[in-house]
């Protein structure tokens, strides 16, 4: 759980969000059809994770593709053979004080204003090296 949280915090920055660029955007467009489709699917994955857990953008080295992964509790995609690139914490403690039970609003703010695409791109570069 500590690893997941550290990874989550390192996935954010003040004034983040927007769209990624470069190889990351190319792979998102290839594997999800468009950035907008990726965002919709990521938000859906995070909103529909039953109970406490995580939603992840991950890279599957054997397939050389991006994928969305949902994990319960303290699990992460490493144990499934994926390389994590981005995560959002959907345990209630991550959003309840600010958003109460409005998990989708929290997810939207995360994607629109907090994601560090530089961190995600750096992780992708390491995963594909």
Protein backbone atom coordinates (compact mmCIF):
# COMPACT_ATOMS: atom_id res chain seq x y z
CA UNK A 1 0.00 0.00 0.00
CA UNK A 2 2.88 2.37 0.74
CA UNK A 3 4.30 1.78 -2.75
CA UNK A 4 0.93 2.51 -4.37
CA UNK A 5 0.55 5.76 -2.45
CA UNK A 6 4.06 6.96 -3.27
CA UNK A 7 3.45 6.17 -6.94
CA UNK A 8 0.10 8.02 -6.79
CA UNK A 9 1.62 11.15 -5.24
CA UNK A 10 4.41 11.14 -7.82
CA UNK A 11 1.74 10.99 -10.55
CA UNK A 12 0.51 14.49 -9.68
CA UNK A 13 1.74 18.06 -9.80
CA UNK A 14 0.22 21.49 -9.21
CA UNK A 15 -1.42 22.80 -12.38
CA UNK A 16 -1.20 19.38 -14.01
CA UNK A 17 -3.71 17.82 -16.34
CA UNK A 18 -4.18 18.77 -19.95
CA UNK A 19 -3.08 16.36 -22.65
CA UNK A 20 0.14 14.38 -22.83
CA UNK A 21 2.43 14.67 -25.83
CA UNK A 22 5.02 12.71 -27.75
CA UNK A 23 5.24 8.92 -27.61
CA UNK A 24 2.74 8.70 -24.75
CA UNK A 25 0.03 10.48 -26.75
CA UNK A 26 0.85 8.36 -29.80
CA UNK A 27 0.40 5.14 -27.81
CA UNK A 28 -2.79 6.40 -26.17
CA UNK A 29 -4.23 7.20 -29.60
CA UNK A 30 -3.11 3.83 -30.97
CA UNK A 31 -4.36 1.72 -28.07
CA UNK A 32 -7.53 3.60 -27.10
CA UNK A 33 -8.47 5.28 -30.38
CA UNK A 34 -8.13 8.82 -29.03
CA UNK A 35 -7.12 10.74 -25.93
CA UNK A 36 -10.78 11.53 -25.21
CA UNK A 37 -11.68 7.83 -25.34
CA UNK A 38 -8.80 7.02 -22.99
CA UNK A 39 -9.97 9.66 -20.49
CA UNK A 40 -13.54 8.35 -20.62
CA UNK A 41 -12.38 4.75 -20.10
CA UNK A 42 -9.95 5.70 -17.30
CA UNK A 43 -12.69 7.64 -15.50
CA UNK A 44 -15.09 4.72 -15.90
CA UNK A 45 -12.51 2.26 -14.57
CA UNK A 46 -11.86 4.45 -11.54
CA UNK A 47 -15.54 5.17 -10.86
CA UNK A 48 -16.56 1.51 -11.13
CA UNK A 49 -13.79 0.01 -8.99
CA UNK A 50 -15.93 -1.69 -6.36
CA UNK A 51 -15.04 -0.53 -2.86
CA UNK A 52 -11.51 0.56 -2.09
CA UNK A 53 -8.80 0.23 -4.67
CA UNK A 54 -6.99 1.74 -7.62
CA UNK A 55 -7.33 2.39 -11.34
CA UNK A 56 -4.16 2.28 -13.43
CA UNK A 57 -2.84 3.12 -16.84
CA UNK A 58 -0.24 0.44 -17.40
CA UNK A 59 2.08 -0.88 -20.09
CA UNK A 60 2.11 -4.59 -20.94
CA UNK A 61 5.66 -5.31 -22.13
CA UNK A 62 4.85 -8.62 -23.81
CA UNK A 63 2.07 -6.99 -25.87
CA UNK A 64 3.80 -3.59 -26.20
CA UNK A 65 0.43 -1.96 -25.46
CA UNK A 66 -1.17 0.34 -22.94
CA UNK A 67 -4.03 -1.03 -20.86
CA UNK A 68 -6.34 -0.01 -18.05
CA UNK A 69 -6.20 -2.14 -14.92
CA UNK A 70 -8.36 -2.00 -11.79
CA UNK A 71 -7.03 -3.46 -8.56
CA UNK A 72 -8.72 -3.92 -5.19
CA UNK A 73 -7.26 -3.02 -1.81
CA UNK A 74 -3.45 -2.73 -1.92
CA UNK A 75 -2.86 -4.70 -5.12
CA UNK A 76 -1.13 -3.19 -8.14
CA UNK A 77 -0.50 -4.22 -11.76
CA UNK A 78 3.09 -5.33 -11.12
CA UNK A 79 1.83 -8.69 -9.88
CA UNK A 80 -0.10 -9.11 -13.14
CA UNK A 81 2.91 -8.48 -15.38
CA UNK A 82 2.15 -4.85 -16.19
CA UNK A 83 4.34 -1.79 -15.73
CA UNK A 84 2.34 0.95 -13.96
CA UNK A 85 2.39 4.38 -15.60
CA UNK A 86 -0.41 6.29 -13.83
CA UNK A 87 -2.74 5.57 -10.95
CA UNK A 88 -5.59 7.12 -9.05
CA UNK A 89 -6.41 6.16 -5.49
CA UNK A 90 -10.12 5.44 -5.18
CA UNK A 91 -10.07 4.51 -1.52
CA UNK A 92 -12.59 6.74 0.23
CA UNK A 93 -9.88 8.43 2.31
CA UNK A 94 -8.46 9.94 -0.90
CA UNK A 95 -11.51 12.04 -1.68
CA UNK A 96 -14.21 11.89 1.00
CA UNK A 97 -13.39 15.11 2.87
CA UNK A 98 -13.51 17.19 -0.32
CA UNK A 99 -16.02 15.26 -2.41
CA UNK A 100 -18.02 13.08 0.03
CA UNK A 101 -19.51 10.27 -2.07
CA UNK A 102 -18.95 12.07 -5.39
CA UNK A 103 -16.11 9.87 -6.62
CA UNK A 104 -16.65 10.84 -10.30
CA UNK A 105 -16.07 14.53 -9.46
CA UNK A 106 -12.80 13.66 -7.72
CA UNK A 107 -11.69 11.60 -10.72
CA UNK A 108 -12.47 14.47 -13.11
CA UNK A 109 -10.44 16.96 -11.07
CA UNK A 110 -7.55 14.49 -10.95
CA UNK A 111 -7.52 14.11 -14.73
CA UNK A 112 -8.15 17.78 -15.54
CA UNK A 113 -5.89 19.51 -13.01
CA UNK A 114 -3.45 17.13 -11.31
CA UNK A 115 -1.95 14.46 -13.60
CA UNK A 116 1.76 14.93 -14.25
CA UNK A 117 2.06 13.75 -17.85
CA UNK A 118 5.81 14.32 -17.57
CA UNK A 119 6.00 11.66 -14.85
CA UNK A 120 3.84 9.28 -16.89
CA UNK A 121 5.96 9.85 -20.01
CA UNK A 122 9.15 9.23 -18.04
CA UNK A 123 7.76 5.94 -16.75
CA UNK A 124 6.77 4.91 -20.27
CA UNK A 125 10.25 5.72 -21.55
CA UNK A 126 11.78 3.51 -18.84
CA UNK A 127 9.28 0.71 -19.56
CA UNK A 128 10.04 0.68 -23.28
CA UNK A 129 13.82 1.10 -23.03
